[in-house]
Amino acid sequence: MVPRPSAWWCVLFGGGCLAAGAALGRVWVGHLPAPSVVAGAQVLPSFADVVAAAQPAVVAVRAHCAAAAGDANTSAPRLRDGSGFVCDSDGHVLTCLHVVADAHSIAVQVPMRGVFRGEVIGRDRATDLALLRLQDAPVDLPFLPFRTGPSLRAGDWVIALGNPVGFAQTASAGLVSFVGRQLPHSDFAVTNDFLQLSVPVHPGSSGGPVLDLHGEVVGVTTQAAAQAAGIAFAVPSHTARWCTAAMLRADGGVVRRGYLGIE
């Protein structure tokens, strides 16, 4: 007759099995891959290197304008702040025309280089772009190149740099929401193919560069949608590049376009 095991022996045996199972479980879990390397997982990109490389070429533009009629103090000048960037090896600065349109003097602050007087040498009302020459500026200013590679697509990452509401050297990121958005121009009744972006835009952002992940300029921030937050528009790089060249070669720096007088 086989003797029955005692209750104490059963307890000891069961406890040993539990301890062994827990130890094996810890070893097995320790060999699982980390969550970041699980097949199919993707890590969002860091924009730190792109931002750090581009910031020395992003400038702050301050336009001193005459007081508007009806202002309480007509002797005090109005200040209009905007953004811009050095766009070529000659030290020209590209910004928005509405920032400097009626300015009697313009101050441009270049990071780590100082403040220089800016002169408007080119203007294009259809795209709201203006080209500035800096007086007595160094000849070795860093500049941001325009993108010449494949066109952007909806869903691509972009980075906007500028000085919104006075906060210098601000970086923000978002997606290209739409490529070739047609927006009517109030003065010319023409449309242009703007980039629509999901990048925060505020007063002072106008004229700042929009970059791709390689640090090349894919657009110039020009306006935000008045009806909704989080919708911004930028002049695409191919248009901005063409306008810059046209402003440099045009008589008086004014870009002229042909059009049909049909409405």
C-alpha atoms as a PDB file:
ATOM      1  CA  MET A   1       0.000   0.000   0.000  1.00  0.00           C
ATOM      2  CA  VAL A   2       1.520   3.371  -1.070  1.00  0.00           C
ATOM      3  CA  PRO A   3       1.594   5.858   1.787  1.00  0.00           C
ATOM      4  CA  ARG A   4      -0.289   9.158   1.243  1.00  0.00           C
ATOM      5  CA  PRO A   5       1.903  12.291   1.308  1.00  0.00           C
ATOM      6  CA  SER A   6       1.478  14.547   4.267  1.00  0.00           C
ATOM      7  CA  ALA A   7      -0.104  17.983   3.955  1.00  0.00           C
ATOM      8  CA  TRP A   8       3.199  19.682   4.839  1.00  0.00           C
ATOM      9  CA  TRP A   9       4.984  17.897   2.030  1.00  0.00           C
ATOM     10  CA  CYS A  10       2.333  19.120  -0.463  1.00  0.00           C
ATOM     11  CA  VAL A  11       2.750  22.705   0.705  1.00  0.00           C
ATOM     12  CA  LEU A  12       6.537  22.564   0.356  1.00  0.00           C
ATOM     13  CA  PHE A  13       6.326  21.002  -3.091  1.00  0.00           C
ATOM     14  CA  GLY A  14       3.803  23.557  -4.347  1.00  0.00           C
ATOM     15  CA  GLY A  15       5.828  26.473  -3.011  1.00  0.00           C
ATOM     16  CA  GLY A  16       8.939  25.223  -4.760  1.00  0.00           C
ATOM     17  CA  CYS A  17       7.097  24.980  -8.056  1.00  0.00           C
ATOM     18  CA  LEU A  18       5.840  28.555  -7.732  1.00  0.00           C
ATOM     19  CA  ALA A  19       9.332  29.889  -6.966  1.00  0.00           C
ATOM     20  CA  ALA A  20      10.852  28.056  -9.914  1.00  0.00           C
ATOM     21  CA  GLY A  21       8.127  29.330 -12.247  1.00  0.00           C
ATOM     22  CA  ALA A  22       8.636  32.923 -11.129  1.00  0.00           C
ATOM     23  CA  ALA A  23      12.397  32.694 -11.696  1.00  0.00           C
ATOM     24  CA  LEU A  24      11.957  31.242 -15.172  1.00  0.00           C
ATOM     25  CA  GLY A  25       9.404  33.949 -15.983  1.00  0.00           C
ATOM     26  CA  ARG A  26      11.875  36.691 -15.049  1.00  0.00           C
ATOM     27  CA  VAL A  27      14.567  35.173 -17.245  1.00  0.00           C
ATOM     28  CA  TRP A  28      12.171  34.852 -20.186  1.00  0.00           C
ATOM     29  CA  VAL A  29      10.879  38.418 -19.833  1.00  0.00           C
ATOM     30  CA  GLY A  30      14.463  39.683 -19.658  1.00  0.00           C
ATOM     31  CA  HIS A  31      15.056  38.332 -23.161  1.00  0.00           C
ATOM     32  CA  LEU A  32      12.107  40.174 -24.715  1.00  0.00           C
ATOM     33  CA  PRO A  33      13.086  43.008 -27.105  1.00  0.00           C
ATOM     34  CA  ALA A  34      12.759  46.560 -25.812  1.00  0.00           C
ATOM     35  CA  PRO A  35       9.564  48.346 -26.906  1.00  0.00           C
ATOM     36  CA  SER A  36      11.528  50.753 -29.133  1.00  0.00           C
ATOM     37  CA  VAL A  37      12.912  47.946 -31.307  1.00  0.00           C
ATOM     38  CA  VAL A  38       9.753  45.913 -31.705  1.00  0.00           C
ATOM     39  CA  ALA A  39       9.255  45.109 -35.372  1.00  0.00           C
ATOM     40  CA  GLY A  40       7.205  47.773 -37.117  1.00  0.00           C
ATOM     41  CA  ALA A  41       7.614  50.445 -34.448  1.00  0.00           C
ATOM     42  CA  GLN A  42       8.719  53.924 -35.586  1.00  0.00           C
ATOM     43  CA  VAL A  43      10.402  56.669 -33.593  1.00  0.00           C
ATOM     44  CA  LEU A  44       9.458  60.293 -34.313  1.00  0.00           C
ATOM     45  CA  PRO A  45      12.375  62.340 -35.667  1.00  0.00           C
ATOM     46  CA  SER A  46      14.245  64.946 -33.654  1.00  0.00           C
ATOM     47  CA  PHE A  47      14.579  68.350 -35.305  1.00  0.00           C
ATOM     48  CA  ALA A  48      17.290  69.602 -32.941  1.00  0.00           C
ATOM     49  CA  ASP A  49      20.206  69.399 -35.382  1.00  0.00           C
ATOM     50  CA  VAL A  50      18.248  71.071 -38.202  1.00  0.00           C
ATOM     51  CA  VAL A  51      17.109  73.897 -35.922  1.00  0.00           C
ATOM     52  CA  ALA A  52      20.580  74.471 -34.476  1.00  0.00           C
ATOM     53  CA  ALA A  53      22.140  74.672 -37.941  1.00  0.00           C
ATOM     54  CA  ALA A  54      19.487  77.043 -39.323  1.00  0.00           C
ATOM     55  CA  GLN A  55      19.049  79.482 -36.448  1.00  0.00           C
ATOM     56  CA  PRO A  56      22.143  81.649 -37.207  1.00  0.00           C
ATOM     57  CA  ALA A  57      20.570  82.619 -40.557  1.00  0.00           C
ATOM     58  CA  VAL A  58      17.097  83.464 -39.168  1.00  0.00           C
ATOM     59  CA  VAL A  59      16.736  87.162 -38.420  1.00  0.00           C
ATOM     60  CA  ALA A  60      14.320  89.460 -36.641  1.00  0.00           C
ATOM     61  CA  VAL A  61      12.936  92.374 -38.665  1.00  0.00           C
ATOM     62  CA  ARG A  62      11.629  95.542 -37.024  1.00  0.00           C
ATOM     63  CA  ALA A  63      10.002  98.134 -39.259  1.00  0.00           C
ATOM     64  CA  HIS A  64       9.551 101.698 -38.039  1.00  0.00           C
ATOM     65  CA  CYS A  65       6.432 103.123 -39.674  1.00  0.00           C
ATOM     66  CA  ALA A  66       4.761 106.500 -39.518  1.00  0.00           C
ATOM     67  CA  ALA A  67       1.840 106.793 -37.150  1.00  0.00           C
ATOM     68  CA  ALA A  68      -1.493 106.083 -38.747  1.00  0.00           C
ATOM     69  CA  ALA A  69      -4.017 108.856 -39.197  1.00  0.00           C
ATOM     70  CA  GLY A  70      -6.279 109.053 -36.185  1.00  0.00           C
ATOM     71  CA  ASP A  71      -3.683 107.786 -33.692  1.00  0.00           C
ATOM     72  CA  ALA A  72      -3.711 109.662 -30.414  1.00  0.00           C
ATOM     73  CA  ASN A  73       0.014 110.330 -30.653  1.00  0.00           C
ATOM     74  CA  THR A  74       0.821 110.982 -34.301  1.00  0.00           C
ATOM     75  CA  SER A  75       4.465 111.777 -33.506  1.00  0.00           C
ATOM     76  CA  ALA A  76       5.203 108.300 -32.136  1.00  0.00           C
ATOM     77  CA  PRO A  77       6.263 105.781 -34.791  1.00  0.00           C
ATOM     78  CA  ARG A  78       4.516 102.443 -35.126  1.00  0.00           C
ATOM     79  CA  LEU A  79       6.665  99.346 -34.808  1.00  0.00           C
ATOM     80  CA  ARG A  80       5.975  96.234 -36.834  1.00  0.00           C
ATOM     81  CA  ASP A  81       7.931  93.106 -36.015  1.00  0.00           C
ATOM     82  CA  GLY A  82       8.486  90.182 -38.359  1.00  0.00           C
ATOM     83  CA  SER A  83      10.853  87.405 -39.245  1.00  0.00           C
ATOM     84  CA  GLY A  84      13.172  86.785 -42.157  1.00  0.00           C
ATOM     85  CA  PHE A  85      16.235  84.817 -43.201  1.00  0.00           C
ATOM     86  CA  VAL A  86      19.459  85.316 -45.099  1.00  0.00           C
ATOM     87  CA  CYS A  87      18.702  83.689 -48.441  1.00  0.00           C
ATOM     88  CA  ASP A  88      21.952  83.860 -50.422  1.00  0.00           C
ATOM     89  CA  SER A  89      25.712  84.192 -50.127  1.00  0.00           C
ATOM     90  CA  ASP A  90      25.455  87.937 -50.785  1.00  0.00           C
ATOM     91  CA  GLY A  91      23.678  88.471 -47.480  1.00  0.00           C
ATOM     92  CA  HIS A  92      20.238  89.410 -48.831  1.00  0.00           C
ATOM     93  CA  VAL A  93      17.338  88.902 -46.432  1.00  0.00           C
ATOM     94  CA  LEU A  94      13.955  87.617 -47.551  1.00  0.00           C
ATOM     95  CA  THR A  95      10.884  88.588 -45.527  1.00  0.00           C
ATOM     96  CA  CYS A  96       7.208  89.471 -46.050  1.00  0.00           C
ATOM     97  CA  LEU A  97       6.236  92.671 -47.820  1.00  0.00           C
ATOM     98  CA  HIS A  98       3.440  93.471 -45.377  1.00  0.00           C
ATOM     99  CA  VAL A  99       6.067  93.718 -42.614  1.00  0.00           C
ATOM    100  CA  VAL A 100       8.152  96.419 -44.321  1.00  0.00           C
ATOM    101  CA  ALA A 101       5.798  97.912 -46.921  1.00  0.00           C
ATOM    102  CA  ASP A 102       5.457 101.442 -45.519  1.00  0.00           C
ATOM    103  CA  ALA A 103       8.507 101.561 -43.246  1.00  0.00           C
ATOM    104  CA  HIS A 104      10.738 104.623 -43.170  1.00  0.00           C
ATOM    105  CA  SER A 105      13.505 102.641 -41.457  1.00  0.00           C
ATOM    106  CA  ILE A 106      14.155  98.945 -40.913  1.00  0.00           C
ATOM    107  CA  ALA A 107      16.351  97.264 -38.301  1.00  0.00           C
ATOM    108  CA  VAL A 108      17.447  93.668 -38.850  1.00  0.00           C
ATOM    109  CA  GLN A 109      18.909  91.674 -35.977  1.00  0.00           C
ATOM    110  CA  VAL A 110      21.211  88.858 -37.061  1.00  0.00           C
ATOM    111  CA  PRO A 111      21.951  86.287 -34.339  1.00  0.00           C
ATOM    112  CA  MET A 112      25.415  86.737 -32.806  1.00  0.00           C
ATOM    113  CA  ARG A 113      26.279  89.413 -35.422  1.00  0.00           C
ATOM    114  CA  GLY A 114      24.342  92.466 -34.277  1.00  0.00           C
ATOM    115  CA  VAL A 115      21.695  94.832 -35.646  1.00  0.00           C
ATOM    116  CA  PHE A 116      21.954  96.271 -39.166  1.00  0.00           C
ATOM    117  CA  ARG A 117      19.961  98.782 -41.121  1.00  0.00           C
ATOM    118  CA  GLY A 118      17.893  97.152 -43.846  1.00  0.00           C
ATOM    119  CA  GLU A 119      16.964  98.612 -47.206  1.00  0.00           C
ATOM    120  CA  VAL A 120      14.103  97.274 -49.327  1.00  0.00           C
ATOM    121  CA  ILE A 121      15.538  96.484 -52.769  1.00  0.00           C
ATOM    122  CA  GLY A 122      12.779  94.213 -54.040  1.00  0.00           C
ATOM    123  CA  ARG A 123       9.064  93.714 -53.599  1.00  0.00           C
ATOM    124  CA  ASP A 124       6.389  91.424 -54.959  1.00  0.00           C
ATOM    125  CA  ARG A 125       2.841  92.194 -53.890  1.00  0.00           C
ATOM    126  CA  ALA A 126       1.369  89.060 -55.441  1.00  0.00           C
ATOM    127  CA  THR A 127       3.346  86.761 -53.151  1.00  0.00           C
ATOM    128  CA  ASP A 128       3.790  89.259 -50.288  1.00  0.00           C
ATOM    129  CA  LEU A 129       7.578  88.917 -50.409  1.00  0.00           C
ATOM    130  CA  ALA A 130      10.254  91.577 -49.972  1.00  0.00           C
ATOM    131  CA  LEU A 131      14.031  91.482 -50.370  1.00  0.00           C
ATOM    132  CA  LEU A 132      16.310  93.478 -48.071  1.00  0.00           C
ATOM    133  CA  ARG A 133      19.941  94.543 -48.344  1.00  0.00           C
ATOM    134  CA  LEU A 134      21.792  94.911 -45.044  1.00  0.00           C
ATOM    135  CA  GLN A 135      24.058  97.924 -44.730  1.00  0.00           C
ATOM    136  CA  ASP A 136      27.596  97.354 -43.398  1.00  0.00           C
ATOM    137  CA  ALA A 137      26.889  93.682 -42.775  1.00  0.00           C
ATOM    138  CA  PRO A 138      29.679  91.060 -42.669  1.00  0.00           C
ATOM    139  CA  VAL A 139      30.373  89.243 -45.915  1.00  0.00           C
ATOM    140  CA  ASP A 140      30.311  85.780 -44.326  1.00  0.00           C
ATOM    141  CA  LEU A 141      26.746  85.670 -43.061  1.00  0.00           C
ATOM    142  CA  PRO A 142      25.303  82.130 -43.017  1.00  0.00           C
ATOM    143  CA  PHE A 143      22.378  81.605 -45.367  1.00  0.00           C
ATOM    144  CA  LEU A 144      19.663  79.040 -45.939  1.00  0.00           C
ATOM    145  CA  PRO A 145      19.426  77.372 -49.363  1.00  0.00           C
ATOM    146  CA  PHE A 146      16.149  76.843 -51.178  1.00  0.00           C
ATOM    147  CA  ARG A 147      15.062  73.270 -51.766  1.00  0.00           C
ATOM    148  CA  THR A 148      15.508  72.170 -55.353  1.00  0.00           C
ATOM    149  CA  GLY A 149      14.800  68.457 -54.949  1.00  0.00           C
ATOM    150  CA  PRO A 150      11.518  66.531 -55.126  1.00  0.00           C
ATOM    151  CA  SER A 151       8.323  68.394 -54.365  1.00  0.00           C
ATOM    152  CA  LEU A 152       6.753  68.193 -50.944  1.00  0.00           C
ATOM    153  CA  ARG A 153       3.767  65.951 -50.379  1.00  0.00           C
ATOM    154  CA  ALA A 154       0.897  66.204 -47.935  1.00  0.00           C
ATOM    155  CA  GLY A 155       2.023  64.464 -44.771  1.00  0.00           C
ATOM    156  CA  ASP A 156       5.692  65.533 -44.920  1.00  0.00           C
ATOM    157  CA  TRP A 157       7.251  66.993 -41.773  1.00  0.00           C
ATOM    158  CA  VAL A 158       8.235  70.671 -41.848  1.00  0.00           C
ATOM    159  CA  ILE A 159       9.855  73.032 -39.334  1.00  0.00           C
ATOM    160  CA  ALA A 160       9.047  76.738 -39.041  1.00  0.00           C
ATOM    161  CA  LEU A 161      11.484  79.231 -37.498  1.00  0.00           C
ATOM    162  CA  GLY A 162      10.784  82.814 -36.578  1.00  0.00           C
ATOM    163  CA  ASN A 163      10.013  85.348 -33.869  1.00  0.00           C
ATOM    164  CA  PRO A 164       6.297  85.046 -33.015  1.00  0.00           C
ATOM    165  CA  VAL A 165       4.958  87.728 -30.627  1.00  0.00           C
ATOM    166  CA  GLY A 166       8.510  88.791 -29.804  1.00  0.00           C
ATOM    167  CA  PHE A 167       9.861  85.390 -28.768  1.00  0.00           C
ATOM    168  CA  ALA A 168      13.090  85.203 -30.769  1.00  0.00           C
ATOM    169  CA  GLN A 169      14.431  82.027 -32.336  1.00  0.00           C
ATOM    170  CA  THR A 170      11.226  80.040 -31.871  1.00  0.00           C
ATOM    171  CA  ALA A 171      10.973  76.669 -33.589  1.00  0.00           C
ATOM    172  CA  SER A 172       7.746  74.811 -34.272  1.00  0.00           C
ATOM    173  CA  ALA A 173       6.914  71.771 -36.347  1.00  0.00           C
ATOM    174  CA  GLY A 174       3.945  70.328 -38.176  1.00  0.00           C
ATOM    175  CA  LEU A 175       2.850  68.638 -41.358  1.00  0.00           C
ATOM    176  CA  VAL A 176       2.258  69.747 -44.895  1.00  0.00           C
ATOM    177  CA  SER A 177      -1.543  69.693 -44.965  1.00  0.00           C
ATOM    178  CA  PHE A 178      -2.050  70.523 -48.635  1.00  0.00           C
ATOM    179  CA  VAL A 179       0.200  71.339 -51.593  1.00  0.00           C
ATOM    180  CA  GLY A 180      -0.939  73.965 -54.092  1.00  0.00           C
ATOM    181  CA  ARG A 181      -3.664  75.686 -52.098  1.00  0.00           C
ATOM    182  CA  GLN A 182      -5.143  78.450 -54.227  1.00  0.00           C
ATOM    183  CA  LEU A 183      -5.692  81.674 -52.281  1.00  0.00           C
ATOM    184  CA  PRO A 184      -7.116  84.828 -53.871  1.00  0.00           C
ATOM    185  CA  HIS A 185      -5.063  87.982 -53.582  1.00  0.00           C
ATOM    186  CA  SER A 186      -7.068  91.017 -52.563  1.00  0.00           C
ATOM    187  CA  ASP A 187      -5.132  93.495 -54.714  1.00  0.00           C
ATOM    188  CA  PHE A 188      -4.560  91.577 -57.917  1.00  0.00           C
ATOM    189  CA  ALA A 189      -7.474  89.139 -57.925  1.00  0.00           C
ATOM    190  CA  VAL A 190      -4.978  86.394 -58.757  1.00  0.00           C
ATOM    191  CA  THR A 191      -4.232  83.132 -57.018  1.00  0.00           C
ATOM    192  CA  ASN A 192      -1.002  81.454 -56.009  1.00  0.00           C
ATOM    193  CA  ASP A 193      -0.173  77.888 -55.081  1.00  0.00           C
ATOM    194  CA  PHE A 194       0.549  78.182 -51.369  1.00  0.00           C
ATOM    195  CA  LEU A 195       1.619  75.426 -49.019  1.00  0.00           C
ATOM    196  CA  GLN A 196      -0.963  74.769 -46.313  1.00  0.00           C
ATOM    197  CA  LEU A 197       0.695  73.756 -43.050  1.00  0.00           C
ATOM    198  CA  SER A 198      -0.374  72.534 -39.620  1.00  0.00           C
ATOM    199  CA  VAL A 199       2.269  74.750 -37.993  1.00  0.00           C
ATOM    200  CA  PRO A 200       1.378  77.338 -35.316  1.00  0.00           C
ATOM    201  CA  VAL A 201       1.693  80.857 -36.750  1.00  0.00           C
ATOM    202  CA  HIS A 202       1.372  84.084 -34.763  1.00  0.00           C
ATOM    203  CA  PRO A 203       2.058  87.808 -35.294  1.00  0.00           C
ATOM    204  CA  GLY A 204       5.785  88.125 -35.919  1.00  0.00           C
ATOM    205  CA  SER A 205       6.091  84.767 -37.682  1.00  0.00           C
ATOM    206  CA  SER A 206       5.630  86.342 -41.116  1.00  0.00           C
ATOM    207  CA  GLY A 207       8.727  86.040 -43.302  1.00  0.00           C
ATOM    208  CA  GLY A 208      10.254  83.163 -41.372  1.00  0.00           C
ATOM    209  CA  PRO A 209      11.598  80.130 -43.234  1.00  0.00           C
ATOM    210  CA  VAL A 210       9.853  76.768 -43.391  1.00  0.00           C
ATOM    211  CA  LEU A 211      12.403  73.948 -43.598  1.00  0.00           C
ATOM    212  CA  ASP A 212      12.426  70.307 -44.547  1.00  0.00           C
ATOM    213  CA  LEU A 213      14.276  67.671 -42.524  1.00  0.00           C
ATOM    214  CA  HIS A 214      17.492  68.461 -44.435  1.00  0.00           C
ATOM    215  CA  GLY A 215      17.440  72.133 -43.413  1.00  0.00           C
ATOM    216  CA  GLU A 216      16.508  73.439 -46.852  1.00  0.00           C
ATOM    217  CA  VAL A 217      13.890  76.168 -47.285  1.00  0.00           C
ATOM    218  CA  VAL A 218      10.636  74.754 -48.636  1.00  0.00           C
ATOM    219  CA  GLY A 219       8.524  77.832 -47.968  1.00  0.00           C
ATOM    220  CA  VAL A 220       8.208  81.300 -46.445  1.00  0.00           C
ATOM    221  CA  THR A 221       5.548  81.845 -43.791  1.00  0.00           C
ATOM    222  CA  THR A 222       3.107  84.482 -44.981  1.00  0.00           C
ATOM    223  CA  GLN A 223      -0.252  84.204 -43.209  1.00  0.00           C
ATOM    224  CA  ALA A 224      -2.569  82.175 -41.008  1.00  0.00           C
ATOM    225  CA  ALA A 225      -6.199  81.284 -41.526  1.00  0.00           C
ATOM    226  CA  ALA A 226      -8.370  83.790 -39.697  1.00  0.00           C
ATOM    227  CA  GLN A 227     -11.209  81.315 -39.315  1.00  0.00           C
ATOM    228  CA  ALA A 228      -9.316  78.508 -37.567  1.00  0.00           C
ATOM    229  CA  ALA A 229      -6.230  77.912 -35.441  1.00  0.00           C
ATOM    230  CA  GLY A 230      -3.499  75.587 -36.651  1.00  0.00           C
ATOM    231  CA  ILE A 231      -3.816  76.417 -40.356  1.00  0.00           C
ATOM    232  CA  ALA A 232      -0.935  78.392 -41.845  1.00  0.00           C
ATOM    233  CA  PHE A 233       0.177  79.206 -45.365  1.00  0.00           C
ATOM    234  CA  ALA A 234       3.616  79.607 -46.895  1.00  0.00           C
ATOM    235  CA  VAL A 235       4.961  80.693 -50.254  1.00  0.00           C
ATOM    236  CA  PRO A 236       6.545  77.532 -51.721  1.00  0.00           C
ATOM    237  CA  SER A 237      10.278  77.467 -52.317  1.00  0.00           C
ATOM    238  CA  HIS A 238      10.125  77.356 -56.113  1.00  0.00           C
ATOM    239  CA  THR A 239       8.006  80.538 -56.137  1.00  0.00           C
ATOM    240  CA  ALA A 240      10.152  82.281 -53.513  1.00  0.00           C
ATOM    241  CA  ARG A 241      13.332  81.367 -55.384  1.00  0.00           C
ATOM    242  CA  TRP A 242      11.935  82.709 -58.665  1.00  0.00           C
ATOM    243  CA  CYS A 243      10.725  85.913 -56.985  1.00  0.00           C
ATOM    244  CA  THR A 244      14.100  86.490 -55.338  1.00  0.00           C
ATOM    245  CA  ALA A 245      15.894  86.232 -58.673  1.00  0.00           C
ATOM    246  CA  ALA A 246      13.276  88.430 -60.361  1.00  0.00           C
ATOM    247  CA  MET A 247      13.578  91.120 -57.681  1.00  0.00           C
ATOM    248  CA  LEU A 248      17.356  91.185 -58.062  1.00  0.00           C
ATOM    249  CA  ARG A 249      17.262  91.657 -61.835  1.00  0.00           C
ATOM    250  CA  ALA A 250      14.121  93.817 -62.199  1.00  0.00           C
ATOM    251  CA  ASP A 251      14.343  97.558 -62.645  1.00  0.00           C
ATOM    252  CA  GLY A 252      13.497  99.015 -59.262  1.00  0.00           C
ATOM    253  CA  GLY A 253      13.200  95.532 -57.767  1.00  0.00           C
ATOM    254  CA  VAL A 254       9.487  95.251 -58.560  1.00  0.00           C
ATOM    255  CA  VAL A 255       8.318  91.907 -59.929  1.00  0.00           C
ATOM    256  CA  ARG A 256       6.029  92.344 -62.922  1.00  0.00           C
ATOM    257  CA  ARG A 257       3.698  89.703 -64.287  1.00  0.00           C
ATOM    258  CA  GLY A 258       1.594  89.491 -67.374  1.00  0.00           C
ATOM    259  CA  TYR A 259      -2.129  88.964 -66.963  1.00  0.00           C
ATOM    260  CA  LEU A 260      -5.372  89.075 -68.931  1.00  0.00           C
ATOM    261  CA  GLY A 261      -7.815  91.856 -68.107  1.00  0.00           C
ATOM    262  CA  ILE A 262     -10.774  89.482 -68.041  1.00  0.00           C
ATOM    263  CA  GLU A 263     -12.981  88.997 -64.990  1.00  0.00           C
END
